[in-house]
C-alpha cells in the first residue's frame, strides 16, 4: 500500500513540473529613430569625388548605399565615379529594429581612375546616357546560333519588322549616379519600364577570338532579353562579341550550358545600334 502511495505522489509531482513553463524572455531594446542618428559624410577638400563616411551613433550599426556600391564599415572612404547629386541611403540596425535614413551629397569632379576603357563611353555616353535599339539594317537582328562558334544568328532569326511591337523596344545605359540601365519594352520580359543596373567587364574573355568581355544586368535586361525556349526566363549575363560607338553584338547561352564544354550549344544573339536623334 505504501508503494502505491509513493508512485501516485511521484506522478503528481511530475505532472506539476511538466505543466510549469520556464520562460527566458529577452526584452528588445528601444528603436533608435533616424532623428537621433549622428554621422558625417564629408567630401575631400581637393577631390570631392572622395567621400569620408563616419557613423558616430552609439549602439547602432550602419550600412551605407552610396550609389556605386554598399559598405558596412562604420568609418569608410569611398569614391564617387562621376559628378552628380547623390542620395546616400543608410540602413541602420538598432536594438529595437531596422531604421532607414538618407541624405544627399554633390560631387563636381570625376574619379580619374574610373571607366578607363573606351567602351564605357561607347556604351553609355557617360552621365548623358545612350539609347540603343534593334539594328534595322539586318535580316536577323535577334535569333539563335552556336555558342562560342557563331558570330550571329546563324541558325534562325528575326528582323526588326518580324519582331512586331518588340521591334520598337529601346534601352538606355547611363552613369548618372550609378551604372543604370532602363528598358522600355512592349512585351518581354514584361510590358512597361524596367529600371536596374549593369556591370561591364571588358577583357574578361571566355574564348579568345569570340568574345571581348561581358555585360551583366540586375533587375532588368536588354531588348527581348529572354530565353524563349526556356519559358522566357530572363537573361542577365551576356558575352560581348562587338562593342563600338555604332554597334553592339551580344550573346548568351541557354540556361544550364556548360561554359567549358558547351561549344556549339544553343545561344542567343542580339544586334543593337544607337537610336537616331
Protein backbone atom coordinates (compact mmCIF):
# COMPACT_ATOMS: atom_id res chain seq x y z
CA UNK A 1 0.00 0.00 0.00
CA UNK A 2 2.84 2.39 0.81
CA UNK A 3 4.42 1.75 -2.59
CA UNK A 4 1.23 2.71 -4.39
CA UNK A 5 1.01 5.98 -2.50
CA UNK A 6 4.61 6.86 -3.35
CA UNK A 7 4.02 6.19 -7.03
CA UNK A 8 0.95 8.41 -7.00
CA UNK A 9 2.75 11.29 -5.32
CA UNK A 10 5.62 11.00 -7.78
CA UNK A 11 3.21 11.14 -10.69
CA UNK A 12 1.57 14.28 -9.34
CA UNK A 13 4.95 15.96 -8.91
CA UNK A 14 5.86 15.03 -12.49
CA UNK A 15 2.64 16.48 -13.87
CA UNK A 16 3.10 19.71 -11.95
CA UNK A 17 6.65 20.05 -13.20
CA UNK A 18 5.63 19.32 -16.81
CA UNK A 19 2.92 21.96 -16.78
CA UNK A 20 5.05 24.71 -15.32
CA UNK A 21 6.50 26.76 -18.21
CA UNK A 22 10.01 28.13 -17.95
CA UNK A 23 10.29 31.49 -19.67
CA UNK A 24 13.52 33.12 -20.74
CA UNK A 25 12.33 36.26 -22.40
CA UNK A 26 14.80 38.71 -23.87
CA UNK A 27 13.37 42.18 -23.99
CA UNK A 28 14.35 44.09 -27.13
CA UNK A 29 15.96 47.42 -26.69
CA UNK A 30 14.47 50.66 -27.95
CA UNK A 31 14.28 51.64 -31.59
CA UNK A 32 16.66 54.49 -32.25
CA UNK A 33 14.86 56.96 -34.54
CA UNK A 34 16.69 58.45 -37.50
CA UNK A 35 16.45 61.87 -35.86
CA UNK A 36 18.87 60.59 -33.20
CA UNK A 37 21.46 59.35 -35.70
CA UNK A 38 24.84 61.03 -35.53
CA UNK A 39 27.01 60.68 -38.61
CA UNK A 40 29.02 62.71 -41.09
CA UNK A 41 29.54 62.46 -44.85
CA UNK A 42 32.35 64.73 -45.95
CA UNK A 43 33.76 65.49 -49.40
CA UNK A 44 37.53 65.59 -49.67
CA UNK A 45 38.63 69.23 -49.88
CA UNK A 46 40.76 68.75 -53.02
CA UNK A 47 39.00 65.84 -54.77
CA UNK A 48 35.31 65.99 -53.92
CA UNK A 49 34.61 62.61 -55.55
CA UNK A 50 36.20 61.09 -52.43
CA UNK A 51 33.72 60.81 -49.55
CA UNK A 52 34.50 60.12 -45.90
CA UNK A 53 31.70 58.25 -44.12
CA UNK A 54 31.61 58.17 -40.32
CA UNK A 55 28.93 56.73 -38.04
CA UNK A 56 29.00 58.32 -34.56
CA UNK A 57 25.76 56.80 -33.24
CA UNK A 58 26.33 54.62 -30.14
CA UNK A 59 24.93 51.09 -30.34
CA UNK A 60 23.78 51.45 -33.96
CA UNK A 61 25.34 49.74 -36.98
CA UNK A 62 25.15 51.46 -40.38
CA UNK A 63 25.06 50.07 -43.91
CA UNK A 64 25.76 52.80 -46.47
CA UNK A 65 24.43 52.59 -50.05
CA UNK A 66 26.25 55.34 -51.94
CA UNK A 67 25.13 54.56 -55.49
CA UNK A 68 28.33 52.91 -56.70
CA UNK A 69 28.33 50.27 -54.01
CA UNK A 70 27.46 49.37 -50.43
CA UNK A 71 29.75 49.40 -47.40
CA UNK A 72 29.04 48.13 -43.89
CA UNK A 73 32.11 49.71 -42.36
CA UNK A 74 31.23 52.29 -39.74
CA UNK A 75 34.05 54.53 -40.92
CA UNK A 76 34.98 54.27 -44.58
CA UNK A 77 36.33 56.18 -47.56
CA UNK A 78 34.50 55.71 -50.87
CA UNK A 79 34.89 57.14 -54.37
CA UNK A 80 32.06 58.57 -56.47
CA UNK A 81 32.94 57.84 -60.05
CA UNK A 82 31.25 60.69 -61.92
CA UNK A 83 29.87 64.14 -61.00
CA UNK A 84 26.29 64.42 -59.83
CA UNK A 85 23.94 64.79 -56.90
CA UNK A 86 23.79 61.52 -55.00
CA UNK A 87 21.36 60.18 -52.42
CA UNK A 88 23.23 58.25 -49.73
CA UNK A 89 20.88 55.65 -48.25
CA UNK A 90 21.51 54.41 -44.74
CA UNK A 91 20.10 51.19 -43.31
CA UNK A 92 20.70 51.17 -39.55
CA UNK A 93 20.44 48.18 -37.22
CA UNK A 94 19.26 49.37 -33.81
CA UNK A 95 18.42 47.38 -30.67
CA UNK A 96 14.72 47.60 -31.48
CA UNK A 97 14.84 47.04 -35.23
CA UNK A 98 15.85 48.41 -38.63
CA UNK A 99 15.63 52.14 -39.30
CA UNK A 100 16.41 53.90 -42.59
CA UNK A 101 17.60 57.37 -43.43
CA UNK A 102 19.05 59.23 -46.39
CA UNK A 103 20.87 62.39 -47.28
CA UNK A 104 22.26 63.95 -50.46
CA UNK A 105 25.75 64.98 -51.47
CA UNK A 106 27.05 66.81 -54.52
CA UNK A 107 30.14 65.79 -56.47
CA UNK A 108 31.66 68.11 -59.10
CA UNK A 109 34.68 66.08 -60.25
CA UNK A 110 35.15 62.68 -61.86
CA UNK A 111 37.25 59.93 -60.36
CA UNK A 112 40.17 59.73 -62.84
CA UNK A 113 40.65 56.02 -62.07
CA UNK A 114 37.10 55.09 -63.13
CA UNK A 115 35.91 53.95 -66.56
CA UNK A 116 39.32 53.87 -68.20
CA UNK A 117 38.23 51.57 -71.02
CA UNK A 118 36.80 53.46 -74.04
CA UNK A 119 33.87 51.03 -74.15
CA UNK A 120 32.26 52.80 -71.19
CA UNK A 121 31.93 55.94 -73.29
CA UNK A 122 30.77 53.94 -76.32
CA UNK A 123 28.07 52.15 -74.33
CA UNK A 124 26.75 54.91 -72.07
CA UNK A 125 27.87 58.35 -73.23
CA UNK A 126 28.76 58.61 -69.52
CA UNK A 127 26.31 60.70 -67.44
CA UNK A 128 24.37 61.87 -70.50
CA UNK A 129 23.18 58.35 -71.31
CA UNK A 130 22.89 56.48 -74.59
CA UNK A 131 19.84 54.71 -76.01
CA UNK A 132 20.15 51.53 -78.07
CA UNK A 133 17.61 49.91 -80.42
CA UNK A 134 17.46 46.95 -82.79
CA UNK A 135 19.64 47.01 -85.91
CA UNK A 136 17.00 47.52 -88.60
CA UNK A 137 19.54 47.01 -91.41
CA UNK A 138 19.89 43.28 -90.65
CA UNK A 139 17.59 40.44 -91.64
CA UNK A 140 18.46 38.74 -88.34
CA UNK A 141 18.82 41.29 -85.58
CA UNK A 142 17.87 38.65 -82.99
CA UNK A 143 17.97 34.86 -83.08
CA UNK A 144 19.99 31.78 -82.22
CA UNK A 145 23.23 30.16 -83.28
CA UNK A 146 26.16 28.17 -81.93
CA UNK A 147 27.62 29.09 -78.54
CA UNK A 148 31.29 30.11 -78.78
CA UNK A 149 31.14 29.43 -82.52
CA UNK A 150 28.64 31.65 -84.32
CA UNK A 151 29.09 35.39 -84.60
CA UNK A 152 25.38 35.97 -85.10
CA UNK A 153 22.00 34.28 -85.54
CA UNK A 154 23.27 31.62 -87.97
CA UNK A 155 20.52 29.10 -87.28
CA UNK A 156 17.36 31.16 -87.07
CA UNK A 157 16.47 34.79 -86.55
CA UNK A 158 14.09 37.69 -86.99
CA UNK A 159 14.36 41.20 -88.37
CA UNK A 160 13.18 44.30 -86.53
CA UNK A 161 9.93 44.18 -88.50
CA UNK A 162 9.37 40.50 -87.79
CA UNK A 163 9.73 41.18 -84.06
CA UNK A 164 6.43 43.07 -84.19
CA UNK A 165 5.83 45.54 -81.37
CA UNK A 166 9.01 44.29 -79.67
CA UNK A 167 10.86 45.83 -82.60
CA UNK A 168 10.12 49.25 -81.09
CA UNK A 169 11.70 48.46 -77.71
CA UNK A 170 14.65 50.53 -76.52
CA UNK A 171 17.13 50.60 -73.65
CA UNK A 172 19.25 53.36 -72.16
CA UNK A 173 22.59 52.97 -70.38
CA UNK A 174 23.87 55.86 -68.27
CA UNK A 175 26.33 56.61 -65.47
CA UNK A 176 24.27 59.29 -63.77
CA UNK A 177 24.70 58.37 -60.11
CA UNK A 178 25.29 54.70 -60.84
CA UNK A 179 25.52 52.11 -63.60
CA UNK A 180 21.92 52.49 -64.72
CA UNK A 181 20.02 50.51 -67.36
CA UNK A 182 16.43 51.38 -68.26
CA UNK A 183 14.47 49.08 -70.57
CA UNK A 184 11.22 50.14 -72.23
CA UNK A 185 9.50 47.04 -73.59
CA UNK A 186 6.24 46.16 -75.33
CA UNK A 187 6.18 42.56 -74.08
CA UNK A 188 9.44 40.92 -72.98
CA UNK A 189 10.17 40.25 -70.17
CA UNK A 190 7.07 42.32 -69.39
CA UNK A 191 5.38 45.37 -70.82
CA UNK A 192 6.46 48.70 -69.44
CA UNK A 193 9.61 50.22 -67.98
CA UNK A 194 12.17 48.11 -66.10
CA UNK A 195 14.91 50.00 -64.25
CA UNK A 196 18.00 48.30 -62.94
CA UNK A 197 21.77 48.34 -63.03
CA UNK A 198 24.55 46.81 -65.10
CA UNK A 199 28.20 45.87 -64.90
CA UNK A 200 30.64 45.97 -67.82
CA UNK A 201 33.83 43.92 -67.74
CA UNK A 202 36.00 44.31 -70.80
CA UNK A 203 38.89 41.91 -71.23
CA UNK A 204 37.24 39.18 -69.15
CA UNK A 205 37.21 36.73 -72.06
CA UNK A 206 35.56 33.32 -72.25
CA UNK A 207 37.02 32.23 -75.61
CA UNK A 208 39.77 34.23 -77.35
CA UNK A 209 38.69 35.30 -80.81
CA UNK A 210 34.98 35.02 -79.96
CA UNK A 211 34.14 37.42 -77.13
CA UNK A 212 35.84 40.56 -75.81
CA UNK A 213 34.14 40.94 -72.42
CA UNK A 214 30.83 40.55 -70.67
CA UNK A 215 27.78 42.54 -69.61
CA UNK A 216 25.71 41.67 -66.54
CA UNK A 217 22.32 43.19 -65.74
CA UNK A 218 20.38 43.31 -62.46
CA UNK A 219 16.59 43.83 -62.12
CA UNK A 220 16.35 44.48 -65.85
CA UNK A 221 17.73 43.13 -69.13
CA UNK A 222 18.32 44.03 -72.78
CA UNK A 223 15.73 44.12 -75.58
CA UNK A 224 13.91 40.78 -75.64
CA UNK A 225 16.41 39.54 -73.07
CA UNK A 226 14.72 36.20 -72.54
CA UNK A 227 15.38 32.56 -73.39
CA UNK A 228 12.30 31.77 -75.48
CA UNK A 229 12.91 28.00 -75.39
CA UNK A 230 13.18 28.04 -71.60
CA UNK A 231 9.91 29.55 -70.51
CA UNK A 232 11.07 33.10 -71.31
CA UNK A 233 13.50 33.03 -68.40
CA UNK A 234 15.19 36.42 -68.12
CA UNK A 235 18.76 36.65 -69.43
CA UNK A 236 21.17 38.61 -67.23
CA UNK A 237 24.64 37.53 -68.35
CA UNK A 238 25.78 38.41 -71.86
CA UNK A 239 29.05 37.92 -73.69
CA UNK A 240 30.13 40.92 -75.74
CA UNK A 241 31.23 39.95 -79.24
CA UNK A 242 31.44 43.52 -80.54
CA UNK A 243 31.09 46.96 -79.00
CA UNK A 244 31.83 50.21 -80.80
CA UNK A 245 30.23 53.64 -80.77
CA UNK A 246 27.88 52.44 -83.54
CA UNK A 247 27.31 48.71 -82.96
CA UNK A 248 26.78 46.22 -80.18
CA UNK A 249 26.62 42.43 -80.56
CA UNK A 250 25.79 40.28 -77.54
CA UNK A 251 25.35 36.55 -77.00
CA UNK A 252 24.07 34.39 -74.15
CA UNK A 253 23.83 30.57 -73.99
CA UNK A 254 20.72 28.72 -72.87
CA UNK A 255 20.48 28.22 -69.08
CA UNK A 256 22.45 25.25 -67.81
CA UNK A 257 25.01 25.31 -70.62
CA UNK A 258 28.44 24.11 -69.52
CA UNK A 259 30.64 27.10 -70.29
CA UNK A 260 33.73 24.93 -70.61
CA UNK A 261 32.35 22.16 -72.83
CA UNK A 262 29.21 23.69 -74.34
CA UNK A 263 30.71 24.77 -77.69
CA UNK A 264 28.05 24.98 -80.40
CA UNK A 265 25.20 24.52 -77.96
CA UNK A 266 22.25 26.84 -78.44
CA UNK A 267 22.96 30.51 -77.78
CA UNK A 268 21.03 33.69 -78.48
CA UNK A 269 22.35 36.75 -80.28
CA UNK A 270 21.35 40.41 -80.13
CA UNK A 271 22.40 43.16 -82.61
CA UNK A 272 21.90 46.76 -81.47
CA UNK A 273 22.66 50.23 -82.81
CA UNK A 274 22.35 53.67 -81.17
CA UNK A 275 18.95 55.30 -81.50
CA UNK A 276 18.95 58.07 -84.09
CA UNK A 277 18.33 61.53 -82.70
